[in-house]
Amino acid sequence: MAPRPRQKRAAVPPSKARPARRWPCLLRHFVLPCTVCGRDRDGASPGEVLDTRGLFCPVPILRTRDRLKRLPAGAVLEVLSDDPVILEDMPAFCRSHGHEYLGAAEELPGRLWRLRLRKA
C-alpha cells in the first residue's frame, strides 16, 4: 500500500486567528516564577536581579543581604546562583531576617537556579 500524500493546511485568515494570550507562559505562573516574562503568580516582576554565579557559600547570601538593604520594603529580588547549597541557605536566611521566600526555579538542571524573595 502506498503512503497517502500529505495535505497542505490552508492559511488562517487574520480575522479567525487565535487572540494572543496576556502572558505566553500563563500556566507556569501557578507553579514557579516564570523564566520567560519574569513574573510570579502574583504578577510581580523582580525589581532587581542579583547575579551570584561563580560564588559559593556564604558569599551569595552576604551579597543578597547587602542588596536587600538598598531596596524598599515589598521589593522583589531575583538571585541567580550556580551553588546548590543556596537552595537550603536562602529559605533559612529569609526566615531569620523576616523576608518572604517566593521560590526557586531551575534554569539549567543541576547547574543554575533562579531564586526570588520579597523584602519585608
PDB file of N, CA and C in Angstrom:
ATOM      1  N   MET A   1       0.833  -1.152   0.000  1.00  0.00           N
ATOM      2  CA  MET A   1       0.000   0.000   0.000  1.00  0.00           C
ATOM      3  C   MET A   1       0.900   1.245   0.000  1.00  0.00           C
ATOM      4  N   ALA A   2       0.597   2.181  -0.845  1.00  0.00           N
ATOM      5  CA  ALA A   2       1.383   3.408  -0.954  1.00  0.00           C
ATOM      6  C   ALA A   2       0.945   4.394   0.126  1.00  0.00           C
ATOM      7  N   PRO A   3       1.897   5.160   0.712  1.00  0.00           N
ATOM      8  CA  PRO A   3       1.521   6.140   1.729  1.00  0.00           C
ATOM      9  C   PRO A   3       0.698   7.272   1.116  1.00  0.00           C
ATOM     10  N   ARG A   4      -0.223   7.780   1.906  1.00  0.00           N
ATOM     11  CA  ARG A   4      -1.055   8.867   1.423  1.00  0.00           C
ATOM     12  C   ARG A   4      -0.246  10.162   1.383  1.00  0.00           C
ATOM     13  N   PRO A   5      -0.435  10.964   0.361  1.00  0.00           N
ATOM     14  CA  PRO A   5       0.293  12.240   0.307  1.00  0.00           C
ATOM     15  C   PRO A   5      -0.258  13.203   1.365  1.00  0.00           C
ATOM     16  N   ARG A   6       0.633  14.005   1.931  1.00  0.00           N
ATOM     17  CA  ARG A   6       0.233  14.976   2.948  1.00  0.00           C
ATOM     18  C   ARG A   6      -0.524  16.122   2.314  1.00  0.00           C
ATOM     19  N   GLN A   7      -1.548  16.559   3.016  1.00  0.00           N
ATOM     20  CA  GLN A   7      -2.307  17.704   2.530  1.00  0.00           C
ATOM     21  C   GLN A   7      -1.780  18.963   3.202  1.00  0.00           C
ATOM     22  N   LYS A   8      -1.696  20.025   2.439  1.00  0.00           N
ATOM     23  CA  LYS A   8      -1.250  21.290   2.991  1.00  0.00           C
ATOM     24  C   LYS A   8      -2.414  21.942   3.728  1.00  0.00           C
ATOM     25  N   ARG A   9      -2.089  22.584   4.848  1.00  0.00           N
ATOM     26  CA  ARG A   9      -3.110  23.289   5.604  1.00  0.00           C
ATOM     27  C   ARG A   9      -3.375  24.638   4.951  1.00  0.00           C
ATOM     28  N   ALA A  10      -4.612  24.997   4.962  1.00  0.00           N
ATOM     29  CA  ALA A  10      -4.980  26.296   4.407  1.00  0.00           C
ATOM     30  C   ALA A  10      -4.569  27.387   5.394  1.00  0.00           C
ATOM     31  N   ALA A  11      -4.165  28.517   4.873  1.00  0.00           N
ATOM     32  CA  ALA A  11      -3.783  29.638   5.729  1.00  0.00           C
ATOM     33  C   ALA A  11      -5.012  30.156   6.471  1.00  0.00           C
ATOM     34  N   VAL A  12      -4.834  30.492   7.736  1.00  0.00           N
ATOM     35  CA  VAL A  12      -5.925  31.000   8.557  1.00  0.00           C
ATOM     36  C   VAL A  12      -6.020  32.508   8.334  1.00  0.00           C
ATOM     37  N   PRO A  13      -7.195  32.988   7.951  1.00  0.00           N
ATOM     38  CA  PRO A  13      -7.324  34.435   7.770  1.00  0.00           C
ATOM     39  C   PRO A  13      -7.134  35.149   9.107  1.00  0.00           C
ATOM     40  N   PRO A  14      -6.591  36.382   9.091  1.00  0.00           N
ATOM     41  CA  PRO A  14      -6.323  37.098  10.344  1.00  0.00           C
ATOM     42  C   PRO A  14      -7.550  37.264  11.227  1.00  0.00           C
ATOM     43  N   SER A  15      -8.729  37.336  10.660  1.00  0.00           N
ATOM     44  CA  SER A  15      -9.933  37.513  11.471  1.00  0.00           C
ATOM     45  C   SER A  15     -10.260  36.259  12.279  1.00  0.00           C
ATOM     46  N   LYS A  16      -9.784  35.086  11.863  1.00  0.00           N
ATOM     47  CA  LYS A  16     -10.079  33.838  12.562  1.00  0.00           C
ATOM     48  C   LYS A  16      -8.904  33.350  13.399  1.00  0.00           C
ATOM     49  N   ALA A  17      -7.799  34.078  13.389  1.00  0.00           N
ATOM     50  CA  ALA A  17      -6.623  33.663  14.159  1.00  0.00           C
ATOM     51  C   ALA A  17      -6.923  33.756  15.648  1.00  0.00           C
ATOM     52  N   ARG A  18      -6.208  32.957  16.453  1.00  0.00           N
ATOM     53  CA  ARG A  18      -6.383  32.974  17.899  1.00  0.00           C
ATOM     54  C   ARG A  18      -5.890  34.297  18.471  1.00  0.00           C
ATOM     55  N   PRO A  19      -6.603  34.825  19.449  1.00  0.00           N
ATOM     56  CA  PRO A  19      -6.105  36.048  20.081  1.00  0.00           C
ATOM     57  C   PRO A  19      -4.858  35.737  20.906  1.00  0.00           C
ATOM     58  N   ALA A  20      -3.961  36.685  20.991  1.00  0.00           N
ATOM     59  CA  ALA A  20      -2.734  36.496  21.772  1.00  0.00           C
ATOM     60  C   ALA A  20      -3.085  36.445  23.257  1.00  0.00           C
ATOM     61  N   ARG A  21      -2.428  35.537  23.977  1.00  0.00           N
ATOM     62  CA  ARG A  21      -2.648  35.461  25.411  1.00  0.00           C
ATOM     63  C   ARG A  21      -1.926  36.606  26.100  1.00  0.00           C
ATOM     64  N   ARG A  22      -2.427  36.960  27.253  1.00  0.00           N
ATOM     65  CA  ARG A  22      -1.829  38.062  28.002  1.00  0.00           C
ATOM     66  C   ARG A  22      -0.380  37.765  28.334  1.00  0.00           C
ATOM     67  N   TRP A  23      -0.121  36.586  28.855  1.00  0.00           N
ATOM     68  CA  TRP A  23       1.240  36.130  29.117  1.00  0.00           C
ATOM     69  C   TRP A  23       1.417  34.840  28.335  1.00  0.00           C
ATOM     70  N   PRO A  24       2.429  34.720  27.510  1.00  0.00           N
ATOM     71  CA  PRO A  24       2.591  33.497  26.718  1.00  0.00           C
ATOM     72  C   PRO A  24       2.888  32.272  27.567  1.00  0.00           C
ATOM     73  N   CYS A  25       3.188  32.467  28.804  1.00  0.00           N
ATOM     74  CA  CYS A  25       3.590  31.371  29.670  1.00  0.00           C
ATOM     75  C   CYS A  25       2.673  31.276  30.884  1.00  0.00           C
ATOM     76  N   LEU A  26       1.394  31.479  30.686  1.00  0.00           N
ATOM     77  CA  LEU A  26       0.436  31.613  31.771  1.00  0.00           C
ATOM     78  C   LEU A  26       0.442  30.435  32.737  1.00  0.00           C
ATOM     79  N   LEU A  27       0.569  29.213  32.252  1.00  0.00           N
ATOM     80  CA  LEU A  27       0.485  28.058  33.135  1.00  0.00           C
ATOM     81  C   LEU A  27       1.651  27.976  34.105  1.00  0.00           C
ATOM     82  N   ARG A  28       2.818  28.459  33.723  1.00  0.00           N
ATOM     83  CA  ARG A  28       3.972  28.398  34.615  1.00  0.00           C
ATOM     84  C   ARG A  28       3.799  29.284  35.836  1.00  0.00           C
ATOM     85  N   HIS A  29       2.964  30.322  35.752  1.00  0.00           N
ATOM     86  CA  HIS A  29       2.812  31.254  36.860  1.00  0.00           C
ATOM     87  C   HIS A  29       2.152  30.610  38.071  1.00  0.00           C
ATOM     88  N   PHE A  30       1.506  29.479  37.901  1.00  0.00           N
ATOM     89  CA  PHE A  30       0.841  28.836  39.018  1.00  0.00           C
ATOM     90  C   PHE A  30       1.773  27.908  39.780  1.00  0.00           C
ATOM     91  N   VAL A  31       2.953  27.634  39.250  1.00  0.00           N
ATOM     92  CA  VAL A  31       3.875  26.709  39.885  1.00  0.00           C
ATOM     93  C   VAL A  31       5.094  27.443  40.426  1.00  0.00           C
ATOM     94  N   LEU A  32       5.860  28.060  39.547  1.00  0.00           N
ATOM     95  CA  LEU A  32       7.088  28.756  39.920  1.00  0.00           C
ATOM     96  C   LEU A  32       7.146  30.094  39.210  1.00  0.00           C
ATOM     97  N   PRO A  33       8.029  30.963  39.632  1.00  0.00           N
ATOM     98  CA  PRO A  33       8.222  32.188  38.864  1.00  0.00           C
ATOM     99  C   PRO A  33       8.615  31.846  37.433  1.00  0.00           C
ATOM    100  N   CYS A  34       8.101  32.599  36.499  1.00  0.00           N
ATOM    101  CA  CYS A  34       8.295  32.309  35.083  1.00  0.00           C
ATOM    102  C   CYS A  34       9.666  32.764  34.606  1.00  0.00           C
ATOM    103  N   THR A  35      10.296  31.942  33.790  1.00  0.00           N
ATOM    104  CA  THR A  35      11.589  32.309  33.233  1.00  0.00           C
ATOM    105  C   THR A  35      11.441  33.031  31.906  1.00  0.00           C
ATOM    106  N   VAL A  36      10.235  33.109  31.376  1.00  0.00           N
ATOM    107  CA  VAL A  36      10.014  33.783  30.095  1.00  0.00           C
ATOM    108  C   VAL A  36       9.773  35.264  30.303  1.00  0.00           C
ATOM    109  N   CYS A  37       8.814  35.601  31.156  1.00  0.00           N
ATOM    110  CA  CYS A  37       8.472  37.016  31.337  1.00  0.00           C
ATOM    111  C   CYS A  37       8.921  37.572  32.679  1.00  0.00           C
ATOM    112  N   GLY A  38       9.362  36.707  33.618  1.00  0.00           N
ATOM    113  CA  GLY A  38       9.877  37.180  34.887  1.00  0.00           C
ATOM    114  C   GLY A  38       8.846  37.433  35.962  1.00  0.00           C
ATOM    115  N   ARG A  39       7.570  37.154  35.698  1.00  0.00           N
ATOM    116  CA  ARG A  39       6.526  37.401  36.703  1.00  0.00           C
ATOM    117  C   ARG A  39       6.295  36.154  37.546  1.00  0.00           C
ATOM    118  N   ASP A  40       5.862  36.365  38.767  1.00  0.00           N
ATOM    119  CA  ASP A  40       5.460  35.237  39.591  1.00  0.00           C
ATOM    120  C   ASP A  40       3.936  35.134  39.565  1.00  0.00           C
ATOM    121  N   ARG A  41       3.353  34.239  40.345  1.00  0.00           N
ATOM    122  CA  ARG A  41       1.913  34.016  40.258  1.00  0.00           C
ATOM    123  C   ARG A  41       1.112  35.201  40.751  1.00  0.00           C
ATOM    124  N   ASP A  42       1.732  36.125  41.491  1.00  0.00           N
ATOM    125  CA  ASP A  42       1.045  37.343  41.922  1.00  0.00           C
ATOM    126  C   ASP A  42       1.141  38.431  40.862  1.00  0.00           C
ATOM    127  N   GLY A  43       1.872  38.169  39.791  1.00  0.00           N
ATOM    128  CA  GLY A  43       2.048  39.163  38.739  1.00  0.00           C
ATOM    129  C   GLY A  43       3.175  40.126  39.013  1.00  0.00           C
ATOM    130  N   ALA A  44       3.949  39.899  40.094  1.00  0.00           N
ATOM    131  CA  ALA A  44       5.046  40.802  40.428  1.00  0.00           C
ATOM    132  C   ALA A  44       6.278  40.452  39.610  1.00  0.00           C
ATOM    133  N   SER A  45       6.904  41.451  39.070  1.00  0.00           N
ATOM    134  CA  SER A  45       8.149  41.220  38.359  1.00  0.00           C
ATOM    135  C   SER A  45       9.289  41.659  39.263  1.00  0.00           C
ATOM    136  N   PRO A  46      10.477  41.078  39.102  1.00  0.00           N
ATOM    137  CA  PRO A  46      11.567  41.404  40.014  1.00  0.00           C
ATOM    138  C   PRO A  46      12.009  42.856  39.860  1.00  0.00           C
ATOM    139  N   GLY A  47      12.261  43.500  40.998  1.00  0.00           N
ATOM    140  CA  GLY A  47      12.759  44.862  40.957  1.00  0.00           C
ATOM    141  C   GLY A  47      14.217  44.875  40.525  1.00  0.00           C
ATOM    142  N   GLU A  48      14.968  43.912  41.001  1.00  0.00           N
ATOM    143  CA  GLU A  48      16.388  43.815  40.673  1.00  0.00           C
ATOM    144  C   GLU A  48      16.770  42.361  40.539  1.00  0.00           C
ATOM    145  N   VAL A  49      17.835  42.133  39.774  1.00  0.00           N
ATOM    146  CA  VAL A  49      18.386  40.791  39.605  1.00  0.00           C
ATOM    147  C   VAL A  49      19.811  40.816  40.121  1.00  0.00           C
ATOM    148  N   LEU A  50      20.134  39.887  40.999  1.00  0.00           N
ATOM    149  CA  LEU A  50      21.470  39.764  41.569  1.00  0.00           C
ATOM    150  C   LEU A  50      22.110  38.507  41.011  1.00  0.00           C
ATOM    151  N   ASP A  51      23.197  38.656  40.289  1.00  0.00           N
ATOM    152  CA  ASP A  51      23.892  37.521  39.675  1.00  0.00           C
ATOM    153  C   ASP A  51      25.024  37.084  40.590  1.00  0.00           C
ATOM    154  N   THR A  52      24.889  35.898  41.186  1.00  0.00           N
ATOM    155  CA  THR A  52      25.929  35.374  42.067  1.00  0.00           C
ATOM    156  C   THR A  52      26.556  34.107  41.489  1.00  0.00           C
ATOM    157  N   ARG A  53      26.482  33.961  40.178  1.00  0.00           N
ATOM    158  CA  ARG A  53      27.095  32.779  39.561  1.00  0.00           C
ATOM    159  C   ARG A  53      28.600  32.813  39.774  1.00  0.00           C
ATOM    160  N   GLY A  54      29.165  31.660  40.088  1.00  0.00           N
ATOM    161  CA  GLY A  54      30.601  31.561  40.329  1.00  0.00           C
ATOM    162  C   GLY A  54      30.984  31.822  41.778  1.00  0.00           C
ATOM    163  N   LEU A  55      30.031  32.227  42.610  1.00  0.00           N
ATOM    164  CA  LEU A  55      30.297  32.481  44.023  1.00  0.00           C
ATOM    165  C   LEU A  55      29.679  31.357  44.853  1.00  0.00           C
ATOM    166  N   PHE A  56      30.357  30.991  45.928  1.00  0.00           N
ATOM    167  CA  PHE A  56      29.879  29.890  46.747  1.00  0.00           C
ATOM    168  C   PHE A  56      29.699  30.350  48.189  1.00  0.00           C
ATOM    169  N   CYS A  57      28.966  29.549  48.947  1.00  0.00           N
ATOM    170  CA  CYS A  57      28.573  29.836  50.317  1.00  0.00           C
ATOM    171  C   CYS A  57      29.759  30.370  51.126  1.00  0.00           C
ATOM    172  N   PRO A  58      29.557  31.425  51.852  1.00  0.00           N
ATOM    173  CA  PRO A  58      28.372  32.209  52.165  1.00  0.00           C
ATOM    174  C   PRO A  58      28.240  33.476  51.329  1.00  0.00           C
ATOM    175  N   VAL A  59      29.061  33.662  50.307  1.00  0.00           N
ATOM    176  CA  VAL A  59      29.095  34.918  49.560  1.00  0.00           C
ATOM    177  C   VAL A  59      27.752  35.272  48.913  1.00  0.00           C
ATOM    178  N   PRO A  60      27.002  34.344  48.265  1.00  0.00           N
ATOM    179  CA  PRO A  60      25.708  34.732  47.689  1.00  0.00           C
ATOM    180  C   PRO A  60      24.719  35.278  48.725  1.00  0.00           C
ATOM    181  N   ILE A  61      24.735  34.715  49.931  1.00  0.00           N
ATOM    182  CA  ILE A  61      23.832  35.189  50.979  1.00  0.00           C
ATOM    183  C   ILE A  61      24.264  36.576  51.453  1.00  0.00           C
ATOM    184  N   LEU A  62      25.544  36.800  51.577  1.00  0.00           N
ATOM    185  CA  LEU A  62      26.038  38.106  52.007  1.00  0.00           C
ATOM    186  C   LEU A  62      25.731  39.181  50.968  1.00  0.00           C
ATOM    187  N   ARG A  63      25.887  38.852  49.696  1.00  0.00           N
ATOM    188  CA  ARG A  63      25.557  39.814  48.638  1.00  0.00           C
ATOM    189  C   ARG A  63      24.055  40.080  48.576  1.00  0.00           C
ATOM    190  N   THR A  64      23.270  39.042  48.838  1.00  0.00           N
ATOM    191  CA  THR A  64      21.818  39.217  48.877  1.00  0.00           C
ATOM    192  C   THR A  64      21.431  40.156  50.018  1.00  0.00           C
ATOM    193  N   ARG A  65      22.035  39.955  51.180  1.00  0.00           N
ATOM    194  CA  ARG A  65      21.752  40.815  52.333  1.00  0.00           C
ATOM    195  C   ARG A  65      22.090  42.273  52.021  1.00  0.00           C
ATOM    196  N   ASP A  66      23.256  42.494  51.409  1.00  0.00           N
ATOM    197  CA  ASP A  66      23.670  43.857  51.077  1.00  0.00           C
ATOM    198  C   ASP A  66      22.737  44.501  50.051  1.00  0.00           C
ATOM    199  N   ARG A  67      22.292  43.732  49.049  1.00  0.00           N
ATOM    200  CA  ARG A  67      21.403  44.280  48.033  1.00  0.00           C
ATOM    201  C   ARG A  67      20.024  44.587  48.614  1.00  0.00           C
ATOM    202  N   LEU A  68      19.547  43.729  49.526  1.00  0.00           N
ATOM    203  CA  LEU A  68      18.238  43.961  50.139  1.00  0.00           C
ATOM    204  C   LEU A  68      18.229  45.226  51.000  1.00  0.00           C
ATOM    205  N   LYS A  69      19.358  45.586  51.577  1.00  0.00           N
ATOM    206  CA  LYS A  69      19.423  46.803  52.391  1.00  0.00           C
ATOM    207  C   LYS A  69      19.105  48.041  51.562  1.00  0.00           C
ATOM    208  N   ARG A  70      19.442  48.001  50.269  1.00  0.00           N
ATOM    209  CA  ARG A  70      19.233  49.158  49.392  1.00  0.00           C
ATOM    210  C   ARG A  70      17.845  49.197  48.761  1.00  0.00           C
ATOM    211  N   LEU A  71      17.077  48.116  48.885  1.00  0.00           N
ATOM    212  CA  LEU A  71      15.755  48.047  48.262  1.00  0.00           C
ATOM    213  C   LEU A  71      14.667  48.521  49.219  1.00  0.00           C
ATOM    214  N   PRO A  72      13.568  49.064  48.679  1.00  0.00           N
ATOM    215  CA  PRO A  72      12.448  49.448  49.545  1.00  0.00           C
ATOM    216  C   PRO A  72      11.670  48.214  49.996  1.00  0.00           C
ATOM    217  N   ALA A  73      10.898  48.366  51.049  1.00  0.00           N
ATOM    218  CA  ALA A  73      10.077  47.260  51.561  1.00  0.00           C
ATOM    219  C   ALA A  73       9.084  46.817  50.481  1.00  0.00           C
ATOM    220  N   GLY A  74       8.909  45.506  50.346  1.00  0.00           N
ATOM    221  CA  GLY A  74       7.981  44.956  49.360  1.00  0.00           C
ATOM    222  C   GLY A  74       8.597  44.711  48.001  1.00  0.00           C
ATOM    223  N   ALA A  75       9.849  45.121  47.799  1.00  0.00           N
ATOM    224  CA  ALA A  75      10.509  44.915  46.505  1.00  0.00           C
ATOM    225  C   ALA A  75      10.860  43.438  46.327  1.00  0.00           C
ATOM    226  N   VAL A  76      10.832  42.984  45.080  1.00  0.00           N
ATOM    227  CA  VAL A  76      11.156  41.596  44.756  1.00  0.00           C
ATOM    228  C   VAL A  76      12.579  41.549  44.214  1.00  0.00           C
ATOM    229  N   LEU A  77      13.399  40.677  44.786  1.00  0.00           N
ATOM    230  CA  LEU A  77      14.778  40.482  44.343  1.00  0.00           C
ATOM    231  C   LEU A  77      14.905  39.088  43.763  1.00  0.00           C
ATOM    232  N   GLU A  78      15.535  38.996  42.622  1.00  0.00           N
ATOM    233  CA  GLU A  78      15.780  37.708  41.967  1.00  0.00           C
ATOM    234  C   GLU A  78      17.270  37.430  42.038  1.00  0.00           C
ATOM    235  N   VAL A  79      17.634  36.245  42.512  1.00  0.00           N
ATOM    236  CA  VAL A  79      19.030  35.869  42.693  1.00  0.00           C
ATOM    237  C   VAL A  79      19.347  34.702  41.767  1.00  0.00           C
ATOM    238  N   LEU A  80      20.354  34.869  40.922  1.00  0.00           N
ATOM    239  CA  LEU A  80      20.837  33.784  40.066  1.00  0.00           C
ATOM    240  C   LEU A  80      22.040  33.157  40.746  1.00  0.00           C
ATOM    241  N   SER A  81      22.055  31.833  40.838  1.00  0.00           N
ATOM    242  CA  SER A  81      23.165  31.164  41.504  1.00  0.00           C
ATOM    243  C   SER A  81      23.408  29.792  40.903  1.00  0.00           C
ATOM    244  N   ASP A  82      24.675  29.396  40.911  1.00  0.00           N
ATOM    245  CA  ASP A  82      25.022  28.039  40.477  1.00  0.00           C
ATOM    246  C   ASP A  82      25.507  27.199  41.660  1.00  0.00           C
ATOM    247  N   ASP A  83      25.324  27.710  42.876  1.00  0.00           N
ATOM    248  CA  ASP A  83      25.696  26.999  44.094  1.00  0.00           C
ATOM    249  C   ASP A  83      24.484  26.219  44.600  1.00  0.00           C
ATOM    250  N   PRO A  84      24.530  24.882  44.598  1.00  0.00           N
ATOM    251  CA  PRO A  84      23.355  24.107  45.013  1.00  0.00           C
ATOM    252  C   PRO A  84      22.991  24.299  46.486  1.00  0.00           C
ATOM    253  N   VAL A  85      23.924  24.729  47.316  1.00  0.00           N
ATOM    254  CA  VAL A  85      23.652  24.922  48.740  1.00  0.00           C
ATOM    255  C   VAL A  85      22.703  26.097  48.965  1.00  0.00           C
ATOM    256  N   ILE A  86      22.607  26.990  47.992  1.00  0.00           N
ATOM    257  CA  ILE A  86      21.733  28.163  48.160  1.00  0.00           C
ATOM    258  C   ILE A  86      20.270  27.756  48.287  1.00  0.00           C
ATOM    259  N   LEU A  87      19.910  26.585  47.790  1.00  0.00           N
ATOM    260  CA  LEU A  87      18.530  26.115  47.913  1.00  0.00           C
ATOM    261  C   LEU A  87      18.151  25.851  49.366  1.00  0.00           C
ATOM    262  N   GLU A  88      19.126  25.613  50.214  1.00  0.00           N
ATOM    263  CA  GLU A  88      18.873  25.448  51.649  1.00  0.00           C
ATOM    264  C   GLU A  88      19.142  26.747  52.408  1.00  0.00           C
ATOM    265  N   ASP A  89      20.170  27.473  51.975  1.00  0.00           N
ATOM    266  CA  ASP A  89      20.574  28.680  52.695  1.00  0.00           C
ATOM    267  C   ASP A  89      19.595  29.837  52.526  1.00  0.00           C
ATOM    268  N   MET A  90      19.067  30.034  51.328  1.00  0.00           N
ATOM    269  CA  MET A  90      18.214  31.201  51.088  1.00  0.00           C
ATOM    270  C   MET A  90      16.904  31.146  51.880  1.00  0.00           C
ATOM    271  N   PRO A  91      16.182  30.004  51.913  1.00  0.00           N
ATOM    272  CA  PRO A  91      14.975  29.974  52.748  1.00  0.00           C
ATOM    273  C   PRO A  91      15.284  30.222  54.227  1.00  0.00           C
ATOM    274  N   ALA A  92      16.420  29.688  54.709  1.00  0.00           N
ATOM    275  CA  ALA A  92      16.798  29.908  56.105  1.00  0.00           C
ATOM    276  C   ALA A  92      17.135  31.375  56.352  1.00  0.00           C
ATOM    277  N   PHE A  93      17.813  31.998  55.410  1.00  0.00           N
ATOM    278  CA  PHE A  93      18.133  33.423  55.517  1.00  0.00           C
ATOM    279  C   PHE A  93      16.853  34.251  55.566  1.00  0.00           C
ATOM    280  N   CYS A  94      15.905  33.941  54.695  1.00  0.00           N
ATOM    281  CA  CYS A  94      14.645  34.694  54.663  1.00  0.00           C
ATOM    282  C   CYS A  94      13.869  34.537  55.965  1.00  0.00           C
ATOM    283  N   ARG A  95      13.836  33.324  56.495  1.00  0.00           N
ATOM    284  CA  ARG A  95      13.133  33.102  57.772  1.00  0.00           C
ATOM    285  C   ARG A  95      13.783  33.891  58.902  1.00  0.00           C
ATOM    286  N   SER A  96      15.106  33.888  58.946  1.00  0.00           N
ATOM    287  CA  SER A  96      15.792  34.543  60.067  1.00  0.00           C
ATOM    288  C   SER A  96      15.752  36.068  59.975  1.00  0.00           C
ATOM    289  N   HIS A  97      15.581  36.623  58.763  1.00  0.00           N
ATOM    290  CA  HIS A  97      15.552  38.068  58.608  1.00  0.00           C
ATOM    291  C   HIS A  97      14.147  38.615  58.329  1.00  0.00           C
ATOM    292  N   GLY A  98      13.149  37.741  58.264  1.00  0.00           N
ATOM    293  CA  GLY A  98      11.769  38.184  58.106  1.00  0.00           C
ATOM    294  C   GLY A  98      11.336  38.459  56.672  1.00  0.00           C
ATOM    295  N   HIS A  99      12.138  38.080  55.688  1.00  0.00           N
ATOM    296  CA  HIS A  99      11.762  38.287  54.298  1.00  0.00           C
ATOM    297  C   HIS A  99      10.905  37.119  53.814  1.00  0.00           C
ATOM    298  N   GLU A 100      10.201  37.322  52.713  1.00  0.00           N
ATOM    299  CA  GLU A 100       9.339  36.275  52.158  1.00  0.00           C
ATOM    300  C   GLU A 100      10.073  35.560  51.024  1.00  0.00           C
ATOM    301  N   TYR A 101      10.252  34.264  51.164  1.00  0.00           N
ATOM    302  CA  TYR A 101      10.901  33.451  50.129  1.00  0.00           C
ATOM    303  C   TYR A 101       9.821  33.038  49.125  1.00  0.00           C
ATOM    304  N   LEU A 102       9.959  33.462  47.869  1.00  0.00           N
ATOM    305  CA  LEU A 102       8.929  33.208  46.857  1.00  0.00           C
ATOM    306  C   LEU A 102       9.142  31.920  46.078  1.00  0.00           C
ATOM    307  N   GLY A 103      10.315  31.310  46.174  1.00  0.00           N
ATOM    308  CA  GLY A 103      10.551  30.049  45.499  1.00  0.00           C
ATOM    309  C   GLY A 103      11.771  30.089  44.604  1.00  0.00           C
ATOM    310  N   ALA A 104      12.060  28.926  44.025  1.00  0.00           N
ATOM    311  CA  ALA A 104      13.228  28.778  43.158  1.00  0.00           C
ATOM    312  C   ALA A 104      12.820  28.044  41.893  1.00  0.00           C
ATOM    313  N   ALA A 105      13.431  28.425  40.799  1.00  0.00           N
ATOM    314  CA  ALA A 105      13.221  27.745  39.522  1.00  0.00           C
ATOM    315  C   ALA A 105      14.576  27.275  39.021  1.00  0.00           C
ATOM    316  N   GLU A 106      14.604  26.072  38.511  1.00  0.00           N
ATOM    317  CA  GLU A 106      15.854  25.503  37.998  1.00  0.00           C
ATOM    318  C   GLU A 106      15.994  25.882  36.527  1.00  0.00           C
ATOM    319  N   GLU A 107      16.952  26.746  36.238  1.00  0.00           N
ATOM    320  CA  GLU A 107      17.169  27.202  34.862  1.00  0.00           C
ATOM    321  C   GLU A 107      17.862  26.118  34.035  1.00  0.00           C
ATOM    322  N   LEU A 108      19.004  25.678  34.509  1.00  0.00           N
ATOM    323  CA  LEU A 108      19.731  24.578  33.878  1.00  0.00           C
ATOM    324  C   LEU A 108      19.746  23.449  34.891  1.00  0.00           C
ATOM    325  N   PRO A 109      19.248  22.274  34.541  1.00  0.00           N
ATOM    326  CA  PRO A 109      19.123  21.188  35.525  1.00  0.00           C
ATOM    327  C   PRO A 109      20.432  20.904  36.257  1.00  0.00           C
ATOM    328  N   GLY A 110      20.416  21.127  37.569  1.00  0.00           N
ATOM    329  CA  GLY A 110      21.571  20.848  38.406  1.00  0.00           C
ATOM    330  C   GLY A 110      22.704  21.852  38.291  1.00  0.00           C
ATOM    331  N   ARG A 111      22.510  22.941  37.516  1.00  0.00           N
ATOM    332  CA  ARG A 111      23.626  23.865  37.302  1.00  0.00           C
ATOM    333  C   ARG A 111      23.308  25.334  37.563  1.00  0.00           C
ATOM    334  N   LEU A 112      22.045  25.745  37.459  1.00  0.00           N
ATOM    335  CA  LEU A 112      21.714  27.153  37.652  1.00  0.00           C
ATOM    336  C   LEU A 112      20.302  27.279  38.204  1.00  0.00           C
ATOM    337  N   TRP A 113      20.160  28.105  39.255  1.00  0.00           N
ATOM    338  CA  TRP A 113      18.871  28.324  39.885  1.00  0.00           C
ATOM    339  C   TRP A 113      18.558  29.807  39.910  1.00  0.00           C
ATOM    340  N   ARG A 114      17.261  30.108  39.852  1.00  0.00           N
ATOM    341  CA  ARG A 114      16.747  31.476  39.931  1.00  0.00           C
ATOM    342  C   ARG A 114      15.828  31.529  41.145  1.00  0.00           C
ATOM    343  N   LEU A 115      16.272  32.218  42.193  1.00  0.00           N
ATOM    344  CA  LEU A 115      15.517  32.320  43.440  1.00  0.00           C
ATOM    345  C   LEU A 115      14.914  33.699  43.548  1.00  0.00           C
ATOM    346  N   ARG A 116      13.735  33.774  44.144  1.00  0.00           N
ATOM    347  CA  ARG A 116      13.058  35.063  44.290  1.00  0.00           C
ATOM    348  C   ARG A 116      12.638  35.256  45.732  1.00  0.00           C
ATOM    349  N   LEU A 117      12.793  36.485  46.210  1.00  0.00           N
ATOM    350  CA  LEU A 117      12.378  36.810  47.566  1.00  0.00           C
ATOM    351  C   LEU A 117      11.854  38.237  47.600  1.00  0.00           C
ATOM    352  N   ARG A 118      10.994  38.489  48.569  1.00  0.00           N
ATOM    353  CA  ARG A 118      10.384  39.802  48.736  1.00  0.00           C
ATOM    354  C   ARG A 118      10.847  40.372  50.060  1.00  0.00           C
ATOM    355  N   LYS A 119      11.336  41.609  50.004  1.00  0.00           N
ATOM    356  CA  LYS A 119      11.856  42.257  51.211  1.00  0.00           C
ATOM    357  C   LYS A 119      10.705  42.616  52.148  1.00  0.00           C
ATOM    358  N   ALA A 120      10.952  42.359  53.440  1.00  0.00           N
ATOM    359  CA  ALA A 120       9.944  42.669  54.465  1.00  0.00           C
ATOM    360  C   ALA A 120       9.919  44.159  54.765  1.00  0.00           C
TER     361      ALA A 120
END
